[in-house]
Amino acid sequence: MVLSSTYVSQGEPPAGDLLYARMGTETWSPFEEALAALEGATLPALVFGSGLAAIAAVFAQVPDDGAIVVPQHAYQAALGLADELERRHGVRIVRVDVEDTDAVVAALDDATGDGRGLLWLESPTNPMLEVADVPALIAAARDRGWLTAVDNTFATPLGQNPLAWGRTSSCTR
């Protein structure tokens, strides 16, 4: 455990040295390794200073002319960020009932093409605890060239493992 929030540096630190606690501490790498193992990931996990920072990093993968399909009931900070991306950058935001698999798939077809989209899932959703058919939705998004990310906060890797269902990112806040 690291009890400090700053590091002492004598000028420009060598590449790979810890410089600032928000970018990493001695405990992050072991935590990232443990989280990746729990998720069954083939790549290292990435730890962020907050859940919203992780969500912003995922949303940033969508180009300005792309689209994000999100649950109508989801983590309010994620929905607020999505709305901001729509206002400022023209990213199309489509809210869906994640319990209605056919409606979500239709939204993927209607929102945009050419793999310029992100399907953002929470299952169960926050705060309504709606449950999506995550494997079916991941498959549908993959078939259309969409990225998929699953906020796995409530289920955790112990309750569901989205990475086992296809090319996806899992975000545990």
N, C-alpha and C. Protein backbone atom coordinates (compact mmCIF):
# COMPACT_ATOMS: atom_id res chain seq x y z
N MET A 1 0.85 -1.18 0.00
CA MET A 1 0.00 0.00 0.00
C MET A 1 0.89 1.23 0.00
N VAL A 2 0.46 2.25 -0.72
CA VAL A 2 1.19 3.50 -0.83
C VAL A 2 0.40 4.57 -0.09
N LEU A 3 1.01 5.17 0.90
CA LEU A 3 0.31 6.15 1.72
C LEU A 3 0.57 7.59 1.29
N SER A 4 1.38 7.78 0.27
CA SER A 4 1.66 9.14 -0.18
C SER A 4 0.93 9.42 -1.48
N SER A 5 0.79 10.69 -1.79
CA SER A 5 0.13 11.05 -3.04
C SER A 5 1.07 11.77 -3.99
N THR A 6 2.31 11.98 -3.59
CA THR A 6 3.28 12.65 -4.45
C THR A 6 4.58 11.88 -4.45
N TYR A 7 5.40 12.16 -5.43
CA TYR A 7 6.71 11.54 -5.54
C TYR A 7 7.75 12.63 -5.61
N VAL A 8 8.96 12.35 -5.13
CA VAL A 8 10.06 13.29 -5.23
C VAL A 8 10.80 12.99 -6.52
N SER A 9 11.07 14.02 -7.28
CA SER A 9 11.76 13.84 -8.54
C SER A 9 12.89 14.84 -8.66
N GLN A 10 14.00 14.39 -9.16
CA GLN A 10 15.14 15.26 -9.42
C GLN A 10 15.18 15.53 -10.93
N GLY A 11 14.36 16.45 -11.39
CA GLY A 11 14.32 16.74 -12.81
C GLY A 11 13.43 15.76 -13.55
N GLU A 12 13.71 15.56 -14.82
CA GLU A 12 12.91 14.69 -15.68
C GLU A 12 13.16 13.22 -15.29
N PRO A 13 12.11 12.51 -14.87
CA PRO A 13 12.31 11.11 -14.47
C PRO A 13 12.51 10.22 -15.69
N PRO A 14 13.23 9.13 -15.52
CA PRO A 14 13.39 8.18 -16.63
C PRO A 14 12.04 7.59 -17.03
N ALA A 15 11.93 7.19 -18.28
CA ALA A 15 10.70 6.58 -18.78
C ALA A 15 10.35 5.37 -17.92
N GLY A 16 9.07 5.26 -17.59
CA GLY A 16 8.60 4.13 -16.79
C GLY A 16 8.60 4.39 -15.29
N ASP A 17 9.31 5.42 -14.83
CA ASP A 17 9.30 5.75 -13.41
C ASP A 17 7.96 6.37 -13.04
N LEU A 18 7.52 6.11 -11.81
CA LEU A 18 6.29 6.73 -11.33
C LEU A 18 6.56 8.21 -11.07
N LEU A 19 5.65 9.05 -11.58
CA LEU A 19 5.84 10.48 -11.48
C LEU A 19 4.73 11.14 -10.68
N TYR A 20 3.51 10.63 -10.84
CA TYR A 20 2.35 11.31 -10.27
C TYR A 20 1.36 10.24 -9.87
N ALA A 21 0.84 10.32 -8.66
CA ALA A 21 0.00 9.24 -8.12
C ALA A 21 -1.26 8.99 -8.93
N ARG A 22 -1.78 9.97 -9.62
CA ARG A 22 -2.98 9.74 -10.43
C ARG A 22 -2.70 8.90 -11.67
N MET A 23 -1.43 8.74 -12.01
CA MET A 23 -1.06 7.93 -13.18
C MET A 23 -0.55 6.56 -12.78
N GLY A 24 -0.45 6.29 -11.50
CA GLY A 24 0.00 4.98 -11.08
C GLY A 24 0.77 5.03 -9.77
N THR A 25 0.66 3.96 -9.04
CA THR A 25 1.41 3.79 -7.80
C THR A 25 1.95 2.36 -7.79
N GLU A 26 2.75 2.06 -6.79
CA GLU A 26 3.34 0.73 -6.71
C GLU A 26 2.28 -0.36 -6.57
N THR A 27 1.09 -0.01 -6.13
CA THR A 27 0.05 -1.00 -5.95
C THR A 27 -0.81 -1.21 -7.18
N TRP A 28 -0.74 -0.32 -8.16
CA TRP A 28 -1.60 -0.43 -9.33
C TRP A 28 -1.28 -1.65 -10.17
N SER A 29 -0.01 -1.88 -10.45
CA SER A 29 0.34 -3.01 -11.33
C SER A 29 -0.14 -4.35 -10.77
N PRO A 30 0.11 -4.64 -9.48
CA PRO A 30 -0.44 -5.90 -8.95
C PRO A 30 -1.97 -5.95 -8.99
N PHE A 31 -2.62 -4.82 -8.75
CA PHE A 31 -4.08 -4.78 -8.83
C PHE A 31 -4.55 -5.02 -10.26
N GLU A 32 -3.89 -4.38 -11.24
CA GLU A 32 -4.25 -4.58 -12.64
C GLU A 32 -4.08 -6.04 -13.05
N GLU A 33 -3.02 -6.68 -12.58
CA GLU A 33 -2.79 -8.09 -12.88
C GLU A 33 -3.89 -8.97 -12.27
N ALA A 34 -4.25 -8.68 -11.02
CA ALA A 34 -5.30 -9.47 -10.35
C ALA A 34 -6.65 -9.25 -11.03
N LEU A 35 -6.97 -8.02 -11.39
CA LEU A 35 -8.23 -7.73 -12.06
C LEU A 35 -8.29 -8.42 -13.43
N ALA A 36 -7.20 -8.37 -14.17
CA ALA A 36 -7.16 -9.04 -15.47
C ALA A 36 -7.37 -10.54 -15.31
N ALA A 37 -6.79 -11.12 -14.27
CA ALA A 37 -6.98 -12.56 -14.03
C ALA A 37 -8.43 -12.87 -13.69
N LEU A 38 -9.05 -12.04 -12.86
CA LEU A 38 -10.47 -12.24 -12.52
C LEU A 38 -11.36 -12.12 -13.75
N GLU A 39 -11.05 -11.18 -14.63
CA GLU A 39 -11.85 -10.94 -15.83
C GLU A 39 -11.56 -11.97 -16.93
N GLY A 40 -10.47 -12.73 -16.78
CA GLY A 40 -10.09 -13.66 -17.84
C GLY A 40 -9.53 -12.94 -19.04
N ALA A 41 -8.90 -11.79 -18.82
CA ALA A 41 -8.39 -10.96 -19.91
C ALA A 41 -7.07 -11.50 -20.46
N THR A 42 -6.87 -11.31 -21.76
CA THR A 42 -5.60 -11.67 -22.36
C THR A 42 -4.63 -10.50 -22.33
N LEU A 43 -5.16 -9.30 -22.14
CA LEU A 43 -4.34 -8.10 -22.02
C LEU A 43 -4.41 -7.59 -20.59
N PRO A 44 -3.45 -6.80 -20.17
CA PRO A 44 -3.50 -6.25 -18.81
C PRO A 44 -4.74 -5.37 -18.61
N ALA A 45 -5.25 -5.36 -17.42
CA ALA A 45 -6.33 -4.43 -17.06
C ALA A 45 -5.73 -3.04 -16.92
N LEU A 46 -6.57 -2.04 -17.05
CA LEU A 46 -6.15 -0.66 -16.83
C LEU A 46 -6.95 -0.11 -15.66
N VAL A 47 -6.26 0.49 -14.72
CA VAL A 47 -6.91 1.07 -13.55
C VAL A 47 -6.93 2.58 -13.73
N PHE A 48 -8.06 3.18 -13.43
CA PHE A 48 -8.22 4.63 -13.52
C PHE A 48 -8.50 5.19 -12.13
N GLY A 49 -8.32 6.49 -11.99
CA GLY A 49 -8.54 7.15 -10.71
C GLY A 49 -10.00 7.22 -10.31
N SER A 50 -10.91 7.03 -11.27
CA SER A 50 -12.34 7.02 -10.97
C SER A 50 -13.07 6.22 -12.04
N GLY A 51 -14.29 5.83 -11.71
CA GLY A 51 -15.10 5.12 -12.69
C GLY A 51 -15.42 5.98 -13.89
N LEU A 52 -15.68 7.27 -13.67
CA LEU A 52 -15.99 8.15 -14.78
C LEU A 52 -14.78 8.33 -15.69
N ALA A 53 -13.59 8.33 -15.13
CA ALA A 53 -12.38 8.41 -15.96
C ALA A 53 -12.29 7.19 -16.88
N ALA A 54 -12.62 6.03 -16.35
CA ALA A 54 -12.61 4.81 -17.17
C ALA A 54 -13.67 4.90 -18.27
N ILE A 55 -14.85 5.36 -17.92
CA ILE A 55 -15.93 5.50 -18.89
C ILE A 55 -15.54 6.50 -19.98
N ALA A 56 -14.94 7.62 -19.59
CA ALA A 56 -14.51 8.62 -20.56
C ALA A 56 -13.48 8.05 -21.52
N ALA A 57 -12.58 7.22 -21.02
CA ALA A 57 -11.57 6.60 -21.89
C ALA A 57 -12.23 5.68 -22.91
N VAL A 58 -13.26 4.96 -22.50
CA VAL A 58 -13.98 4.08 -23.42
C VAL A 58 -14.77 4.91 -24.43
N PHE A 59 -15.50 5.90 -23.96
CA PHE A 59 -16.30 6.74 -24.86
C PHE A 59 -15.41 7.46 -25.87
N ALA A 60 -14.18 7.77 -25.50
CA ALA A 60 -13.26 8.49 -26.38
C ALA A 60 -12.88 7.65 -27.61
N GLN A 61 -13.19 6.38 -27.61
CA GLN A 61 -12.89 5.53 -28.77
C GLN A 61 -13.87 5.75 -29.91
N VAL A 62 -14.94 6.48 -29.66
CA VAL A 62 -15.97 6.71 -30.67
C VAL A 62 -15.66 8.03 -31.39
N PRO A 63 -15.57 8.01 -32.73
CA PRO A 63 -15.30 9.26 -33.46
C PRO A 63 -16.52 10.19 -33.41
N ASP A 64 -16.27 11.44 -33.74
CA ASP A 64 -17.32 12.46 -33.67
C ASP A 64 -18.53 12.11 -34.53
N ASP A 65 -18.36 11.38 -35.59
CA ASP A 65 -19.50 11.02 -36.44
C ASP A 65 -20.06 9.64 -36.09
N GLY A 66 -19.63 9.09 -34.97
CA GLY A 66 -20.08 7.77 -34.55
C GLY A 66 -21.31 7.84 -33.66
N ALA A 67 -21.59 6.71 -33.04
CA ALA A 67 -22.77 6.62 -32.18
C ALA A 67 -22.47 5.76 -30.96
N ILE A 68 -23.18 6.05 -29.89
CA ILE A 68 -23.12 5.22 -28.68
C ILE A 68 -24.55 4.83 -28.33
N VAL A 69 -24.78 3.54 -28.23
CA VAL A 69 -26.06 3.03 -27.77
C VAL A 69 -25.90 2.73 -26.29
N VAL A 70 -26.75 3.36 -25.47
CA VAL A 70 -26.65 3.26 -24.01
C VAL A 70 -27.98 2.82 -23.41
N PRO A 71 -27.94 2.19 -22.25
CA PRO A 71 -29.20 1.87 -21.57
C PRO A 71 -29.92 3.17 -21.16
N GLN A 72 -31.25 3.15 -21.25
CA GLN A 72 -32.01 4.33 -20.84
C GLN A 72 -31.88 4.58 -19.34
N HIS A 73 -31.68 3.52 -18.58
CA HIS A 73 -31.41 3.64 -17.15
C HIS A 73 -29.99 3.15 -16.93
N ALA A 74 -29.12 4.06 -16.59
CA ALA A 74 -27.71 3.71 -16.40
C ALA A 74 -27.11 4.68 -15.40
N TYR A 75 -25.86 4.43 -15.07
CA TYR A 75 -25.10 5.31 -14.18
C TYR A 75 -25.22 6.74 -14.70
N GLN A 76 -25.75 7.63 -13.88
CA GLN A 76 -26.07 8.99 -14.32
C GLN A 76 -24.86 9.75 -14.84
N ALA A 77 -23.70 9.53 -14.28
CA ALA A 77 -22.50 10.22 -14.76
C ALA A 77 -22.16 9.77 -16.18
N ALA A 78 -22.37 8.49 -16.49
CA ALA A 78 -22.12 7.98 -17.85
C ALA A 78 -23.11 8.60 -18.83
N LEU A 79 -24.37 8.67 -18.44
CA LEU A 79 -25.37 9.27 -19.32
C LEU A 79 -25.10 10.76 -19.53
N GLY A 80 -24.67 11.44 -18.48
CA GLY A 80 -24.33 12.86 -18.60
C GLY A 80 -23.15 13.07 -19.55
N LEU A 81 -22.14 12.23 -19.44
CA LEU A 81 -21.00 12.31 -20.34
C LEU A 81 -21.43 12.04 -21.77
N ALA A 82 -22.28 11.05 -21.96
CA ALA A 82 -22.79 10.75 -23.30
C ALA A 82 -23.53 11.94 -23.88
N ASP A 83 -24.38 12.56 -23.08
CA ASP A 83 -25.12 13.74 -23.54
C ASP A 83 -24.15 14.87 -23.92
N GLU A 84 -23.10 15.04 -23.16
CA GLU A 84 -22.10 16.07 -23.45
C GLU A 84 -21.38 15.78 -24.77
N LEU A 85 -21.07 14.51 -25.02
CA LEU A 85 -20.44 14.14 -26.29
C LEU A 85 -21.37 14.44 -27.46
N GLU A 86 -22.66 14.24 -27.25
CA GLU A 86 -23.63 14.52 -28.30
C GLU A 86 -23.68 16.03 -28.57
N ARG A 87 -23.75 16.83 -27.50
CA ARG A 87 -23.82 18.29 -27.66
C ARG A 87 -22.56 18.87 -28.28
N ARG A 88 -21.42 18.46 -27.78
CA ARG A 88 -20.16 19.09 -28.19
C ARG A 88 -19.52 18.49 -29.43
N HIS A 89 -19.74 17.20 -29.65
CA HIS A 89 -18.99 16.54 -30.71
C HIS A 89 -19.85 15.84 -31.75
N GLY A 90 -21.16 15.92 -31.58
CA GLY A 90 -22.04 15.33 -32.58
C GLY A 90 -22.13 13.82 -32.55
N VAL A 91 -21.62 13.21 -31.50
CA VAL A 91 -21.76 11.76 -31.35
C VAL A 91 -23.24 11.47 -31.14
N ARG A 92 -23.78 10.56 -31.90
CA ARG A 92 -25.21 10.24 -31.76
C ARG A 92 -25.39 9.33 -30.56
N ILE A 93 -26.25 9.70 -29.66
CA ILE A 93 -26.55 8.90 -28.46
C ILE A 93 -27.95 8.33 -28.62
N VAL A 94 -28.04 7.02 -28.49
CA VAL A 94 -29.33 6.33 -28.61
C VAL A 94 -29.56 5.58 -27.30
N ARG A 95 -30.63 5.95 -26.61
CA ARG A 95 -30.98 5.27 -25.35
C ARG A 95 -31.95 4.15 -25.64
N VAL A 96 -31.69 3.00 -25.00
CA VAL A 96 -32.50 1.80 -25.26
C VAL A 96 -32.87 1.11 -23.96
N ASP A 97 -33.90 0.31 -24.04
CA ASP A 97 -34.28 -0.57 -22.94
C ASP A 97 -33.44 -1.84 -23.12
N VAL A 98 -32.43 -2.03 -22.28
CA VAL A 98 -31.50 -3.15 -22.47
C VAL A 98 -32.14 -4.51 -22.25
N GLU A 99 -33.32 -4.54 -21.64
CA GLU A 99 -34.02 -5.81 -21.47
C GLU A 99 -34.70 -6.26 -22.76
N ASP A 100 -34.84 -5.36 -23.73
CA ASP A 100 -35.47 -5.66 -25.01
C ASP A 100 -34.36 -5.88 -26.05
N THR A 101 -33.90 -7.11 -26.16
CA THR A 101 -32.77 -7.43 -27.03
C THR A 101 -33.04 -7.01 -28.47
N ASP A 102 -34.22 -7.27 -28.98
CA ASP A 102 -34.55 -6.91 -30.36
C ASP A 102 -34.46 -5.40 -30.57
N ALA A 103 -34.91 -4.63 -29.61
CA ALA A 103 -34.86 -3.17 -29.72
C ALA A 103 -33.42 -2.67 -29.71
N VAL A 104 -32.57 -3.30 -28.90
CA VAL A 104 -31.16 -2.89 -28.87
C VAL A 104 -30.50 -3.20 -30.20
N VAL A 105 -30.76 -4.38 -30.75
CA VAL A 105 -30.19 -4.75 -32.04
C VAL A 105 -30.69 -3.81 -33.13
N ALA A 106 -31.96 -3.45 -33.09
CA ALA A 106 -32.50 -2.49 -34.06
C ALA A 106 -31.80 -1.14 -33.94
N ALA A 107 -31.51 -0.73 -32.72
CA ALA A 107 -30.81 0.54 -32.50
C ALA A 107 -29.40 0.48 -33.10
N LEU A 108 -28.74 -0.66 -33.00
CA LEU A 108 -27.42 -0.81 -33.60
C LEU A 108 -27.52 -0.65 -35.12
N ASP A 109 -28.55 -1.22 -35.70
CA ASP A 109 -28.74 -1.13 -37.15
C ASP A 109 -29.09 0.29 -37.59
N ASP A 110 -29.86 1.00 -36.77
CA ASP A 110 -30.35 2.33 -37.15
C ASP A 110 -29.35 3.45 -36.85
N ALA A 111 -28.52 3.27 -35.83
CA ALA A 111 -27.71 4.39 -35.33
C ALA A 111 -26.63 4.83 -36.31
N THR A 112 -25.83 3.92 -36.78
CA THR A 112 -24.74 4.25 -37.71
C THR A 112 -24.12 2.96 -38.18
N GLY A 113 -23.38 3.05 -39.22
CA GLY A 113 -22.75 1.84 -39.74
C GLY A 113 -21.24 1.95 -39.74
N ASP A 114 -20.62 1.09 -40.50
CA ASP A 114 -19.18 1.12 -40.70
C ASP A 114 -18.37 0.95 -39.42
N GLY A 115 -18.93 0.28 -38.42
CA GLY A 115 -18.17 0.02 -37.20
C GLY A 115 -17.77 1.26 -36.45
N ARG A 116 -18.55 2.32 -36.56
CA ARG A 116 -18.21 3.58 -35.89
C ARG A 116 -19.02 3.76 -34.62
N GLY A 117 -19.41 2.66 -33.99
CA GLY A 117 -20.26 2.78 -32.84
C GLY A 117 -19.76 1.99 -31.65
N LEU A 118 -20.35 2.32 -30.51
CA LEU A 118 -20.06 1.65 -29.25
C LEU A 118 -21.38 1.26 -28.61
N LEU A 119 -21.48 0.01 -28.26
CA LEU A 119 -22.60 -0.46 -27.45
C LEU A 119 -22.12 -0.44 -26.01
N TRP A 120 -22.71 0.43 -25.20
CA TRP A 120 -22.37 0.57 -23.78
C TRP A 120 -23.44 -0.15 -22.98
N LEU A 121 -23.04 -1.17 -22.25
CA LEU A 121 -24.00 -1.94 -21.48
C LEU A 121 -23.71 -1.85 -19.99
N GLU A 122 -24.76 -1.88 -19.23
CA GLU A 122 -24.70 -2.17 -17.79
C GLU A 122 -25.69 -3.29 -17.60
N SER A 123 -25.29 -4.29 -16.87
CA SER A 123 -26.23 -5.38 -16.59
C SER A 123 -25.76 -6.10 -15.34
N PRO A 124 -26.50 -5.93 -14.27
CA PRO A 124 -27.73 -5.14 -14.16
C PRO A 124 -27.43 -3.64 -14.21
N THR A 125 -28.45 -2.89 -14.65
CA THR A 125 -28.29 -1.45 -14.78
C THR A 125 -28.34 -0.78 -13.41
N ASN A 126 -27.82 0.44 -13.39
CA ASN A 126 -27.81 1.26 -12.19
C ASN A 126 -28.72 2.45 -12.47
N PRO A 127 -29.80 2.64 -11.79
CA PRO A 127 -30.22 2.04 -10.53
C PRO A 127 -31.35 1.01 -10.67
N MET A 128 -31.86 0.77 -11.87
CA MET A 128 -33.09 -0.01 -12.02
C MET A 128 -32.88 -1.53 -11.98
N LEU A 129 -31.63 -1.98 -12.05
CA LEU A 129 -31.29 -3.41 -11.99
C LEU A 129 -31.91 -4.21 -13.14
N GLU A 130 -32.03 -3.57 -14.31
CA GLU A 130 -32.50 -4.27 -15.50
C GLU A 130 -31.39 -5.18 -16.00
N VAL A 131 -31.78 -6.33 -16.50
CA VAL A 131 -30.79 -7.33 -16.93
C VAL A 131 -30.87 -7.50 -18.44
N ALA A 132 -29.73 -7.35 -19.09
CA ALA A 132 -29.62 -7.50 -20.54
C ALA A 132 -29.15 -8.91 -20.87
N ASP A 133 -29.45 -9.34 -22.08
CA ASP A 133 -28.89 -10.58 -22.61
C ASP A 133 -27.51 -10.22 -23.16
N VAL A 134 -26.55 -10.11 -22.28
CA VAL A 134 -25.24 -9.60 -22.64
C VAL A 134 -24.58 -10.44 -23.74
N PRO A 135 -24.56 -11.77 -23.66
CA PRO A 135 -23.91 -12.53 -24.74
C PRO A 135 -24.54 -12.27 -26.11
N ALA A 136 -25.86 -12.20 -26.18
CA ALA A 136 -26.54 -11.96 -27.46
C ALA A 136 -26.23 -10.56 -27.98
N LEU A 137 -26.20 -9.58 -27.10
CA LEU A 137 -25.94 -8.21 -27.53
C LEU A 137 -24.49 -8.03 -27.96
N ILE A 138 -23.57 -8.66 -27.27
CA ILE A 138 -22.15 -8.60 -27.68
C ILE A 138 -22.00 -9.21 -29.07
N ALA A 139 -22.65 -10.34 -29.30
CA ALA A 139 -22.57 -11.00 -30.61
C ALA A 139 -23.16 -10.11 -31.70
N ALA A 140 -24.30 -9.49 -31.42
CA ALA A 140 -24.93 -8.62 -32.41
C ALA A 140 -24.03 -7.43 -32.73
N ALA A 141 -23.44 -6.82 -31.72
CA ALA A 141 -22.55 -5.68 -31.94
C ALA A 141 -21.31 -6.11 -32.72
N ARG A 142 -20.74 -7.22 -32.36
CA ARG A 142 -19.55 -7.73 -33.06
C ARG A 142 -19.87 -7.97 -34.54
N ASP A 143 -21.03 -8.57 -34.82
CA ASP A 143 -21.43 -8.85 -36.20
C ASP A 143 -21.56 -7.58 -37.03
N ARG A 144 -21.80 -6.46 -36.38
CA ARG A 144 -21.98 -5.18 -37.07
C ARG A 144 -20.72 -4.31 -37.03
N GLY A 145 -19.65 -4.83 -36.45
CA GLY A 145 -18.40 -4.08 -36.37
C GLY A 145 -18.36 -3.04 -35.27
N TRP A 146 -19.29 -3.14 -34.33
CA TRP A 146 -19.34 -2.19 -33.21
C TRP A 146 -18.43 -2.65 -32.08
N LEU A 147 -17.89 -1.68 -31.35
CA LEU A 147 -17.21 -1.96 -30.09
C LEU A 147 -18.28 -2.21 -29.03
N THR A 148 -17.94 -2.99 -28.02
CA THR A 148 -18.84 -3.20 -26.90
C THR A 148 -18.07 -3.00 -25.62
N ALA A 149 -18.67 -2.32 -24.66
CA ALA A 149 -18.10 -2.19 -23.33
C ALA A 149 -19.20 -2.51 -22.33
N VAL A 150 -18.83 -3.22 -21.28
CA VAL A 150 -19.79 -3.61 -20.26
C VAL A 150 -19.34 -3.05 -18.92
N ASP A 151 -20.16 -2.19 -18.33
CA ASP A 151 -19.92 -1.71 -16.98
C ASP A 151 -20.41 -2.83 -16.07
N ASN A 152 -19.48 -3.50 -15.48
CA ASN A 152 -19.75 -4.72 -14.70
C ASN A 152 -19.75 -4.44 -13.20
N THR A 153 -20.09 -3.22 -12.83
CA THR A 153 -20.00 -2.80 -11.43
C THR A 153 -20.79 -3.70 -10.49
N PHE A 154 -22.05 -3.93 -10.79
CA PHE A 154 -22.89 -4.67 -9.85
C PHE A 154 -22.63 -6.17 -9.90
N ALA A 155 -22.42 -6.72 -11.08
CA ALA A 155 -22.22 -8.17 -11.18
C ALA A 155 -20.81 -8.56 -10.77
N THR A 156 -19.83 -7.75 -11.06
CA THR A 156 -18.40 -8.00 -10.84
C THR A 156 -17.96 -9.22 -11.65
N PRO A 157 -16.67 -9.43 -11.79
CA PRO A 157 -16.19 -10.61 -12.51
C PRO A 157 -16.61 -11.92 -11.83
N LEU A 158 -17.01 -11.85 -10.59
CA LEU A 158 -17.46 -13.06 -9.91
C LEU A 158 -18.87 -13.47 -10.33
N GLY A 159 -19.67 -12.50 -10.81
CA GLY A 159 -21.05 -12.79 -11.20
C GLY A 159 -21.25 -12.98 -12.69
N GLN A 160 -20.47 -12.27 -13.50
CA GLN A 160 -20.53 -12.45 -14.95
C GLN A 160 -19.19 -12.03 -15.52
N ASN A 161 -18.86 -12.62 -16.65
CA ASN A 161 -17.57 -12.34 -17.27
C ASN A 161 -17.77 -11.97 -18.73
N PRO A 162 -18.01 -10.69 -19.03
CA PRO A 162 -18.30 -10.27 -20.40
C PRO A 162 -17.19 -10.60 -21.39
N LEU A 163 -15.95 -10.62 -20.96
CA LEU A 163 -14.87 -10.91 -21.89
C LEU A 163 -14.98 -12.32 -22.47
N ALA A 164 -15.60 -13.22 -21.73
CA ALA A 164 -15.75 -14.60 -22.21
C ALA A 164 -16.77 -14.68 -23.35
N TRP A 165 -17.56 -13.62 -23.53
CA TRP A 165 -18.63 -13.63 -24.54
C TRP A 165 -18.23 -12.96 -25.84
N GLY A 166 -17.02 -12.48 -25.95
CA GLY A 166 -16.61 -11.89 -27.22
C GLY A 166 -15.72 -10.71 -27.04
N ARG A 167 -15.42 -10.07 -28.17
CA ARG A 167 -14.53 -8.91 -28.19
C ARG A 167 -15.22 -7.75 -27.49
N THR A 168 -14.84 -7.49 -26.29
CA THR A 168 -15.52 -6.48 -25.47
C THR A 168 -14.55 -5.93 -24.45
N SER A 169 -14.91 -4.85 -23.85
CA SER A 169 -14.19 -4.30 -22.71
C SER A 169 -15.11 -4.40 -21.51
N SER A 170 -14.55 -4.65 -20.36
CA SER A 170 -15.33 -4.71 -19.14
C SER A 170 -14.86 -3.61 -18.22
N CYS A 171 -15.77 -2.87 -17.69
CA CYS A 171 -15.43 -1.74 -16.84
C CYS A 171 -16.02 -1.99 -15.46
N THR A 172 -15.17 -2.22 -14.49
CA THR A 172 -15.63 -2.43 -13.11
C THR A 172 -15.26 -1.19 -12.33
N ARG A 173 -16.28 -0.45 -11.88
CA ARG A 173 -15.99 0.77 -11.12
C ARG A 173 -15.74 0.42 -9.67
